[in-house]
């Protein structure tokens, strides 16, 4: 029986000091869509009570913990250890990409250096992550999007995560910009090609940020685009023509009364 081609090998490096353990399950589900998490390492001072959440689930996800004692206040030994390991793994030549899980801008140069080597970098962090780190990654996934779940009956009406999302209409400017950069027939562009352009234009673009799961749903709900799903053809989209209001009738000039001579 022929084996399927192996998925890209990925090294997953987690900064425990800047990442909540609540995302662990969804994090590895997301990574599984990108490739195979061959290396799974986490860095932090696990003697701290704040990291107890991670120590409870290390075995569940086969994560190797690298203990870094905080000997001096204000010095982050965990970051240094993560960078050293990343360089060693990169030079081993065994990986096609890295997943850097942190909201710390200190990893911007690391992400850029790995990409210079021709490898993919997928970043995972909170919305507060500085733009420099987000842009240094091939793709950046907000961890808030990994926590968004369909509200249960008990949560109905509360929707605590909803305020972290934007409305689909907020995505219109970035969608317009991407389409304008593409050479489409009569303004039509393929949905798949649009997705690729968006990933290049904005590494942190994600339909889930706007409360939907797929790009097609986002385009449809934004209300600013037409969608062509003709049978046997790929899905295409284009900007709706500008609506023109009814033409106002021209006012007729009233005849001028003859002047008395």
C-alpha atoms as a PDB file:
ATOM      1  CA  UNK A   1       0.000   0.000   0.000  1.00  0.00           C
ATOM      2  CA  UNK A   2       1.463   3.334  -1.070  1.00  0.00           C
ATOM      3  CA  UNK A   3       1.981   5.870   1.679  1.00  0.00           C
ATOM      4  CA  UNK A   4       0.694   9.406   1.301  1.00  0.00           C
ATOM      5  CA  UNK A   5       3.334  12.132   0.899  1.00  0.00           C
ATOM      6  CA  UNK A   6       4.600  13.245   4.287  1.00  0.00           C
ATOM      7  CA  UNK A   7       3.405  16.595   5.578  1.00  0.00           C
ATOM      8  CA  UNK A   8       5.968  19.380   6.092  1.00  0.00           C
ATOM      9  CA  UNK A   9       7.950  18.859   9.276  1.00  0.00           C
ATOM     10  CA  UNK A  10       7.453  21.705  11.736  1.00  0.00           C
ATOM     11  CA  UNK A  11       9.269  22.679  14.921  1.00  0.00           C
ATOM     12  CA  UNK A  12       6.832  24.081  17.490  1.00  0.00           C
ATOM     13  CA  UNK A  13       8.487  26.360  20.065  1.00  0.00           C
ATOM     14  CA  UNK A  14       6.247  27.829  22.787  1.00  0.00           C
ATOM     15  CA  UNK A  15       7.038  30.788  25.040  1.00  0.00           C
ATOM     16  CA  UNK A  16       5.121  29.739  28.152  1.00  0.00           C
ATOM     17  CA  UNK A  17       5.537  33.139  29.815  1.00  0.00           C
ATOM     18  CA  UNK A  18       3.545  34.815  27.030  1.00  0.00           C
ATOM     19  CA  UNK A  19       1.046  32.098  26.083  1.00  0.00           C
ATOM     20  CA  UNK A  20      -2.035  30.766  27.856  1.00  0.00           C
ATOM     21  CA  UNK A  21      -2.378  27.012  28.286  1.00  0.00           C
ATOM     22  CA  UNK A  22      -6.069  27.367  27.363  1.00  0.00           C
ATOM     23  CA  UNK A  23      -5.180  27.432  23.662  1.00  0.00           C
ATOM     24  CA  UNK A  24      -3.231  24.147  23.677  1.00  0.00           C
ATOM     25  CA  UNK A  25      -5.897  21.884  22.160  1.00  0.00           C
ATOM     26  CA  UNK A  26      -6.876  24.270  19.386  1.00  0.00           C
ATOM     27  CA  UNK A  27      -3.246  25.270  18.826  1.00  0.00           C
ATOM     28  CA  UNK A  28      -2.206  21.768  17.820  1.00  0.00           C
ATOM     29  CA  UNK A  29      -5.369  21.301  15.768  1.00  0.00           C
ATOM     30  CA  UNK A  30      -4.414  24.436  13.830  1.00  0.00           C
ATOM     31  CA  UNK A  31      -0.809  23.307  13.430  1.00  0.00           C
ATOM     32  CA  UNK A  32      -1.987  19.917  12.118  1.00  0.00           C
ATOM     33  CA  UNK A  33      -3.489  21.773   9.144  1.00  0.00           C
ATOM     34  CA  UNK A  34      -0.078  23.291   8.385  1.00  0.00           C
ATOM     35  CA  UNK A  35       2.093  20.211   8.749  1.00  0.00           C
ATOM     36  CA  UNK A  36       3.515  17.685  11.209  1.00  0.00           C
ATOM     37  CA  UNK A  37       4.573  18.996  14.621  1.00  0.00           C
ATOM     38  CA  UNK A  38       7.738  16.902  14.745  1.00  0.00           C
ATOM     39  CA  UNK A  39       9.326  18.901  17.585  1.00  0.00           C
ATOM     40  CA  UNK A  40       7.209  20.263  20.442  1.00  0.00           C
ATOM     41  CA  UNK A  41       9.065  22.283  23.045  1.00  0.00           C
ATOM     42  CA  UNK A  42       7.987  24.816  25.649  1.00  0.00           C
ATOM     43  CA  UNK A  43      10.171  27.238  27.601  1.00  0.00           C
ATOM     44  CA  UNK A  44       9.588  28.851  30.977  1.00  0.00           C
ATOM     45  CA  UNK A  45      10.099  28.741  34.718  1.00  0.00           C
ATOM     46  CA  UNK A  46       7.626  26.029  35.610  1.00  0.00           C
ATOM     47  CA  UNK A  47       8.191  26.531  39.341  1.00  0.00           C
ATOM     48  CA  UNK A  48       5.937  29.583  38.997  1.00  0.00           C
ATOM     49  CA  UNK A  49       2.268  29.119  39.840  1.00  0.00           C
ATOM     50  CA  UNK A  50       1.267  31.055  36.705  1.00  0.00           C
ATOM     51  CA  UNK A  51       2.545  28.220  34.512  1.00  0.00           C
ATOM     52  CA  UNK A  52       0.713  25.458  36.355  1.00  0.00           C
ATOM     53  CA  UNK A  53      -1.788  25.238  33.492  1.00  0.00           C
ATOM     54  CA  UNK A  54       0.962  24.130  31.128  1.00  0.00           C
ATOM     55  CA  UNK A  55       2.476  21.544  33.480  1.00  0.00           C
ATOM     56  CA  UNK A  56      -0.913  19.840  33.706  1.00  0.00           C
ATOM     57  CA  UNK A  57      -1.170  19.217  29.926  1.00  0.00           C
ATOM     58  CA  UNK A  58       2.410  18.608  28.774  1.00  0.00           C
ATOM     59  CA  UNK A  59       1.914  14.851  28.494  1.00  0.00           C
ATOM     60  CA  UNK A  60      -1.389  15.203  26.636  1.00  0.00           C
ATOM     61  CA  UNK A  61       0.313  16.939  23.697  1.00  0.00           C
ATOM     62  CA  UNK A  62       3.762  15.309  24.043  1.00  0.00           C
ATOM     63  CA  UNK A  63       5.397  18.685  24.734  1.00  0.00           C
ATOM     64  CA  UNK A  64       8.964  18.658  26.072  1.00  0.00           C
ATOM     65  CA  UNK A  65       9.378  21.260  28.808  1.00  0.00           C
ATOM     66  CA  UNK A  66      12.629  23.218  29.064  1.00  0.00           C
ATOM     67  CA  UNK A  67      12.922  24.557  32.609  1.00  0.00           C
ATOM     68  CA  UNK A  68      14.567  27.973  32.828  1.00  0.00           C
ATOM     69  CA  UNK A  69      15.009  29.333  36.353  1.00  0.00           C
ATOM     70  CA  UNK A  70      14.631  33.103  36.722  1.00  0.00           C
ATOM     71  CA  UNK A  71      17.857  33.765  38.633  1.00  0.00           C
ATOM     72  CA  UNK A  72      17.680  37.524  38.061  1.00  0.00           C
ATOM     73  CA  UNK A  73      14.523  39.619  38.004  1.00  0.00           C
ATOM     74  CA  UNK A  74      13.857  41.215  34.624  1.00  0.00           C
ATOM     75  CA  UNK A  75      16.101  38.838  32.663  1.00  0.00           C
ATOM     76  CA  UNK A  76      14.243  36.344  30.483  1.00  0.00           C
ATOM     77  CA  UNK A  77      16.373  33.224  30.171  1.00  0.00           C
ATOM     78  CA  UNK A  78      13.478  31.421  28.475  1.00  0.00           C
ATOM     79  CA  UNK A  79      13.664  33.663  25.401  1.00  0.00           C
ATOM     80  CA  UNK A  80      17.394  33.073  25.032  1.00  0.00           C
ATOM     81  CA  UNK A  81      17.000  29.295  25.347  1.00  0.00           C
ATOM     82  CA  UNK A  82      14.228  29.279  22.739  1.00  0.00           C
ATOM     83  CA  UNK A  83      16.322  31.269  20.260  1.00  0.00           C
ATOM     84  CA  UNK A  84      19.371  29.022  20.742  1.00  0.00           C
ATOM     85  CA  UNK A  85      17.295  25.883  20.150  1.00  0.00           C
ATOM     86  CA  UNK A  86      15.627  27.448  17.111  1.00  0.00           C
ATOM     87  CA  UNK A  87      19.020  28.154  15.537  1.00  0.00           C
ATOM     88  CA  UNK A  88      20.216  24.602  16.211  1.00  0.00           C
ATOM     89  CA  UNK A  89      17.050  23.122  14.706  1.00  0.00           C
ATOM     90  CA  UNK A  90      17.218  25.418  11.681  1.00  0.00           C
ATOM     91  CA  UNK A  91      20.797  24.437  10.876  1.00  0.00           C
ATOM     92  CA  UNK A  92      19.957  20.748  11.246  1.00  0.00           C
ATOM     93  CA  UNK A  93      18.145  20.949   7.898  1.00  0.00           C
ATOM     94  CA  UNK A  94      15.402  18.594   9.117  1.00  0.00           C
ATOM     95  CA  UNK A  95      12.474  21.031   9.060  1.00  0.00           C
ATOM     96  CA  UNK A  96      10.402  22.863   6.480  1.00  0.00           C
ATOM     97  CA  UNK A  97       9.003  25.386   8.931  1.00  0.00           C
ATOM     98  CA  UNK A  98       8.687  26.712  12.477  1.00  0.00           C
ATOM     99  CA  UNK A  99       5.732  27.613  14.677  1.00  0.00           C
ATOM    100  CA  UNK A 100       6.687  30.359  17.137  1.00  0.00           C
ATOM    101  CA  UNK A 101       4.050  30.696  19.858  1.00  0.00           C
ATOM    102  CA  UNK A 102       4.439  34.014  21.665  1.00  0.00           C
ATOM    103  CA  UNK A 103       3.181  37.596  21.762  1.00  0.00           C
ATOM    104  CA  UNK A 104       6.686  38.957  22.403  1.00  0.00           C
ATOM    105  CA  UNK A 105       8.267  41.244  19.809  1.00  0.00           C
ATOM    106  CA  UNK A 106      11.702  39.973  20.881  1.00  0.00           C
ATOM    107  CA  UNK A 107      11.205  37.083  18.455  1.00  0.00           C
ATOM    108  CA  UNK A 108      10.905  39.363  15.416  1.00  0.00           C
ATOM    109  CA  UNK A 109      14.542  38.942  14.415  1.00  0.00           C
ATOM    110  CA  UNK A 110      14.376  35.181  14.971  1.00  0.00           C
ATOM    111  CA  UNK A 111      11.363  34.880  12.634  1.00  0.00           C
ATOM    112  CA  UNK A 112      13.090  37.031  10.006  1.00  0.00           C
ATOM    113  CA  UNK A 113      16.302  34.983  10.222  1.00  0.00           C
ATOM    114  CA  UNK A 114      14.461  31.689   9.783  1.00  0.00           C
ATOM    115  CA  UNK A 115      12.630  33.021   6.727  1.00  0.00           C
ATOM    116  CA  UNK A 116      15.934  34.211   5.267  1.00  0.00           C
ATOM    117  CA  UNK A 117      16.922  30.546   5.345  1.00  0.00           C
ATOM    118  CA  UNK A 118      13.970  29.761   3.069  1.00  0.00           C
ATOM    119  CA  UNK A 119      11.785  28.193   5.762  1.00  0.00           C
ATOM    120  CA  UNK A 120       8.206  29.060   6.667  1.00  0.00           C
ATOM    121  CA  UNK A 121       7.409  30.749   9.972  1.00  0.00           C
ATOM    122  CA  UNK A 122       3.924  30.559  11.449  1.00  0.00           C
ATOM    123  CA  UNK A 123       3.363  32.862  14.404  1.00  0.00           C
ATOM    124  CA  UNK A 124       0.733  32.446  17.118  1.00  0.00           C
ATOM    125  CA  UNK A 125       0.008  35.240  19.578  1.00  0.00           C
ATOM    126  CA  UNK A 126      -2.533  37.626  21.042  1.00  0.00           C
ATOM    127  CA  UNK A 127      -3.886  40.688  19.238  1.00  0.00           C
ATOM    128  CA  UNK A 128      -1.521  42.833  21.285  1.00  0.00           C
ATOM    129  CA  UNK A 129       1.453  41.246  19.478  1.00  0.00           C
ATOM    130  CA  UNK A 130       3.533  44.046  17.895  1.00  0.00           C
ATOM    131  CA  UNK A 131       3.220  44.431  14.137  1.00  0.00           C
ATOM    132  CA  UNK A 132       6.946  43.842  13.628  1.00  0.00           C
ATOM    133  CA  UNK A 133       6.655  40.231  14.790  1.00  0.00           C
ATOM    134  CA  UNK A 134       3.414  39.613  12.884  1.00  0.00           C
ATOM    135  CA  UNK A 135       4.886  40.886   9.628  1.00  0.00           C
ATOM    136  CA  UNK A 136       8.046  38.808  10.067  1.00  0.00           C
ATOM    137  CA  UNK A 137       5.950  35.613   9.855  1.00  0.00           C
ATOM    138  CA  UNK A 138       4.605  34.023   6.702  1.00  0.00           C
ATOM    139  CA  UNK A 139       1.293  33.728   8.513  1.00  0.00           C
ATOM    140  CA  UNK A 140       0.219  34.939  11.935  1.00  0.00           C
ATOM    141  CA  UNK A 141      -2.762  33.455  13.797  1.00  0.00           C
ATOM    142  CA  UNK A 142      -4.358  35.315  16.688  1.00  0.00           C
ATOM    143  CA  UNK A 143      -4.788  33.026  19.674  1.00  0.00           C
ATOM    144  CA  UNK A 144      -8.116  34.708  20.470  1.00  0.00           C
ATOM    145  CA  UNK A 145      -9.440  33.125  17.268  1.00  0.00           C
ATOM    146  CA  UNK A 146      -8.445  29.708  18.601  1.00  0.00           C
ATOM    147  CA  UNK A 147     -10.597  30.251  21.681  1.00  0.00           C
ATOM    148  CA  UNK A 148     -13.761  31.310  19.853  1.00  0.00           C
ATOM    149  CA  UNK A 149     -16.396  28.620  20.196  1.00  0.00           C
ATOM    150  CA  UNK A 150     -20.048  28.378  19.230  1.00  0.00           C
ATOM    151  CA  UNK A 151     -21.894  29.723  22.312  1.00  0.00           C
ATOM    152  CA  UNK A 152     -23.556  27.070  24.450  1.00  0.00           C
ATOM    153  CA  UNK A 153     -27.067  27.469  25.806  1.00  0.00           C
ATOM    154  CA  UNK A 154     -25.652  28.613  29.124  1.00  0.00           C
ATOM    155  CA  UNK A 155     -23.514  31.233  27.396  1.00  0.00           C
ATOM    156  CA  UNK A 156     -26.295  32.511  25.144  1.00  0.00           C
ATOM    157  CA  UNK A 157     -26.724  36.224  25.573  1.00  0.00           C
ATOM    158  CA  UNK A 158     -23.344  36.641  27.252  1.00  0.00           C
ATOM    159  CA  UNK A 159     -21.037  35.918  24.289  1.00  0.00           C
ATOM    160  CA  UNK A 160     -17.836  36.936  26.132  1.00  0.00           C
ATOM    161  CA  UNK A 161     -15.617  36.464  23.076  1.00  0.00           C
ATOM    162  CA  UNK A 162     -17.802  38.407  20.668  1.00  0.00           C
ATOM    163  CA  UNK A 163     -16.286  41.769  21.583  1.00  0.00           C
ATOM    164  CA  UNK A 164     -12.878  40.590  20.344  1.00  0.00           C
ATOM    165  CA  UNK A 165     -14.304  40.084  16.848  1.00  0.00           C
ATOM    166  CA  UNK A 166     -14.995  42.638  14.161  1.00  0.00           C
ATOM    167  CA  UNK A 167     -17.976  42.733  11.842  1.00  0.00           C
ATOM    168  CA  UNK A 168     -17.568  41.301   8.305  1.00  0.00           C
ATOM    169  CA  UNK A 169     -17.928  44.817   6.860  1.00  0.00           C
ATOM    170  CA  UNK A 170     -14.661  45.775   8.587  1.00  0.00           C
ATOM    171  CA  UNK A 171     -12.830  43.447   6.191  1.00  0.00           C
ATOM    172  CA  UNK A 172     -13.997  45.308   3.072  1.00  0.00           C
ATOM    173  CA  UNK A 173     -10.938  47.634   2.809  1.00  0.00           C
ATOM    174  CA  UNK A 174      -8.380  44.801   2.909  1.00  0.00           C
ATOM    175  CA  UNK A 175     -10.476  42.698   0.506  1.00  0.00           C
ATOM    176  CA  UNK A 176     -10.753  45.628  -1.914  1.00  0.00           C
ATOM    177  CA  UNK A 177      -7.025  46.249  -1.735  1.00  0.00           C
ATOM    178  CA  UNK A 178      -6.197  42.616  -2.493  1.00  0.00           C
ATOM    179  CA  UNK A 179      -8.589  42.492  -5.462  1.00  0.00           C
ATOM    180  CA  UNK A 180      -7.221  45.766  -6.843  1.00  0.00           C
ATOM    181  CA  UNK A 181      -3.751  44.210  -6.967  1.00  0.00           C
ATOM    182  CA  UNK A 182      -4.971  41.276  -9.036  1.00  0.00           C
ATOM    183  CA  UNK A 183      -5.476  41.192 -12.789  1.00  0.00           C
ATOM    184  CA  UNK A 184      -8.986  39.806 -13.083  1.00  0.00           C
ATOM    185  CA  UNK A 185     -11.269  39.401 -16.086  1.00  0.00           C
ATOM    186  CA  UNK A 186     -13.873  42.174 -15.900  1.00  0.00           C
ATOM    187  CA  UNK A 187     -12.991  42.578 -12.224  1.00  0.00           C
ATOM    188  CA  UNK A 188     -13.582  38.888 -11.365  1.00  0.00           C
ATOM    189  CA  UNK A 189     -10.897  37.054  -9.361  1.00  0.00           C
ATOM    190  CA  UNK A 190     -10.762  33.464  -8.123  1.00  0.00           C
ATOM    191  CA  UNK A 191     -11.561  32.985  -4.439  1.00  0.00           C
ATOM    192  CA  UNK A 192      -8.507  30.758  -3.965  1.00  0.00           C
ATOM    193  CA  UNK A 193      -6.212  33.310  -5.595  1.00  0.00           C
ATOM    194  CA  UNK A 194      -7.734  36.024  -3.438  1.00  0.00           C
ATOM    195  CA  UNK A 195      -6.945  34.002  -0.328  1.00  0.00           C
ATOM    196  CA  UNK A 196      -3.308  33.632  -1.401  1.00  0.00           C
ATOM    197  CA  UNK A 197      -3.003  37.354  -2.097  1.00  0.00           C
ATOM    198  CA  UNK A 198      -4.492  38.204   1.294  1.00  0.00           C
ATOM    199  CA  UNK A 199      -1.959  35.930   3.020  1.00  0.00           C
ATOM    200  CA  UNK A 200       0.883  37.770   1.258  1.00  0.00           C
ATOM    201  CA  UNK A 201      -0.634  41.183   1.883  1.00  0.00           C
ATOM    202  CA  UNK A 202      -1.472  40.695   5.564  1.00  0.00           C
ATOM    203  CA  UNK A 203       0.064  37.684   7.385  1.00  0.00           C
ATOM    204  CA  UNK A 204      -2.433  38.105  10.228  1.00  0.00           C
ATOM    205  CA  UNK A 205      -5.533  38.050   8.004  1.00  0.00           C
ATOM    206  CA  UNK A 206      -8.031  35.460   9.234  1.00  0.00           C
ATOM    207  CA  UNK A 207     -11.790  35.237   8.499  1.00  0.00           C
ATOM    208  CA  UNK A 208     -12.326  34.198  12.122  1.00  0.00           C
ATOM    209  CA  UNK A 209     -11.306  37.694  13.181  1.00  0.00           C
ATOM    210  CA  UNK A 210     -14.573  38.819  11.575  1.00  0.00           C
ATOM    211  CA  UNK A 211     -16.758  36.134  13.127  1.00  0.00           C
ATOM    212  CA  UNK A 212     -16.844  33.633  10.226  1.00  0.00           C
ATOM    213  CA  UNK A 213     -14.963  30.447   9.497  1.00  0.00           C
ATOM    214  CA  UNK A 214     -14.313  30.715   5.756  1.00  0.00           C
ATOM    215  CA  UNK A 215     -13.237  33.381   3.280  1.00  0.00           C
ATOM    216  CA  UNK A 216     -16.316  32.726   1.115  1.00  0.00           C
ATOM    217  CA  UNK A 217     -18.599  33.436   4.086  1.00  0.00           C
ATOM    218  CA  UNK A 218     -16.692  36.628   4.858  1.00  0.00           C
ATOM    219  CA  UNK A 219     -16.980  37.887   1.263  1.00  0.00           C
ATOM    220  CA  UNK A 220     -20.690  37.091   1.209  1.00  0.00           C
ATOM    221  CA  UNK A 221     -21.516  38.635   4.590  1.00  0.00           C
ATOM    222  CA  UNK A 222     -19.519  41.798   3.962  1.00  0.00           C
ATOM    223  CA  UNK A 223     -22.190  42.784   1.444  1.00  0.00           C
ATOM    224  CA  UNK A 224     -19.739  44.590  -0.838  1.00  0.00           C
ATOM    225  CA  UNK A 225     -18.975  41.872  -3.386  1.00  0.00           C
ATOM    226  CA  UNK A 226     -20.635  39.741  -6.044  1.00  0.00           C
ATOM    227  CA  UNK A 227     -20.043  35.980  -6.048  1.00  0.00           C
ATOM    228  CA  UNK A 228     -20.109  33.761  -9.139  1.00  0.00           C
ATOM    229  CA  UNK A 229     -20.537  30.049  -8.461  1.00  0.00           C
ATOM    230  CA  UNK A 230     -21.362  28.892 -11.986  1.00  0.00           C
ATOM    231  CA  UNK A 231     -21.529  25.118 -12.330  1.00  0.00           C
ATOM    232  CA  UNK A 232     -18.194  23.604 -13.300  1.00  0.00           C
ATOM    233  CA  UNK A 233     -16.247  26.801 -12.574  1.00  0.00           C
ATOM    234  CA  UNK A 234     -14.220  27.898  -9.606  1.00  0.00           C
ATOM    235  CA  UNK A 235     -15.772  30.416  -7.245  1.00  0.00           C
ATOM    236  CA  UNK A 236     -15.110  33.971  -8.346  1.00  0.00           C
ATOM    237  CA  UNK A 237     -15.723  37.313  -6.653  1.00  0.00           C
ATOM    238  CA  UNK A 238     -15.665  40.961  -7.647  1.00  0.00           C
ATOM    239  CA  UNK A 239     -16.542  44.308  -6.174  1.00  0.00           C
ATOM    240  CA  UNK A 240     -20.158  45.321  -6.652  1.00  0.00           C
ATOM    241  CA  UNK A 241     -20.643  48.161  -9.138  1.00  0.00           C
ATOM    242  CA  UNK A 242     -21.104  51.501  -7.474  1.00  0.00           C
ATOM    243  CA  UNK A 243     -24.786  52.084  -6.859  1.00  0.00           C
ATOM    244  CA  UNK A 244     -26.081  55.053  -8.733  1.00  0.00           C
ATOM    245  CA  UNK A 245     -29.029  56.948  -7.433  1.00  0.00           C
ATOM    246  CA  UNK A 246     -31.995  58.057  -9.577  1.00  0.00           C
ATOM    247  CA  UNK A 247     -31.193  60.866 -11.925  1.00  0.00           C
ATOM    248  CA  UNK A 248     -32.755  64.083 -10.826  1.00  0.00           C
ATOM    249  CA  UNK A 249     -34.925  65.763 -13.486  1.00  0.00           C
ATOM    250  CA  UNK A 250     -33.464  68.954 -14.777  1.00  0.00           C
ATOM    251  CA  UNK A 251     -35.332  72.039 -13.691  1.00  0.00           C
ATOM    252  CA  UNK A 252     -36.887  73.882 -16.589  1.00  0.00           C
ATOM    253  CA  UNK A 253     -36.165  77.534 -16.739  1.00  0.00           C
ATOM    254  CA  UNK A 254     -39.228  79.664 -16.356  1.00  0.00           C
ATOM    255  CA  UNK A 255     -39.814  81.995 -19.322  1.00  0.00           C
ATOM    256  CA  UNK A 256     -38.681  85.494 -18.660  1.00  0.00           C
ATOM    257  CA  UNK A 257     -41.492  88.047 -18.697  1.00  0.00           C
ATOM    258  CA  UNK A 258     -41.042  90.704 -21.400  1.00  0.00           C
ATOM    259  CA  UNK A 259     -39.857  93.943 -19.967  1.00  0.00           C
ATOM    260  CA  UNK A 260     -42.106  96.955 -20.307  1.00  0.00           C
ATOM    261  CA  UNK A 261     -40.750  99.307 -22.971  1.00  0.00           C
END
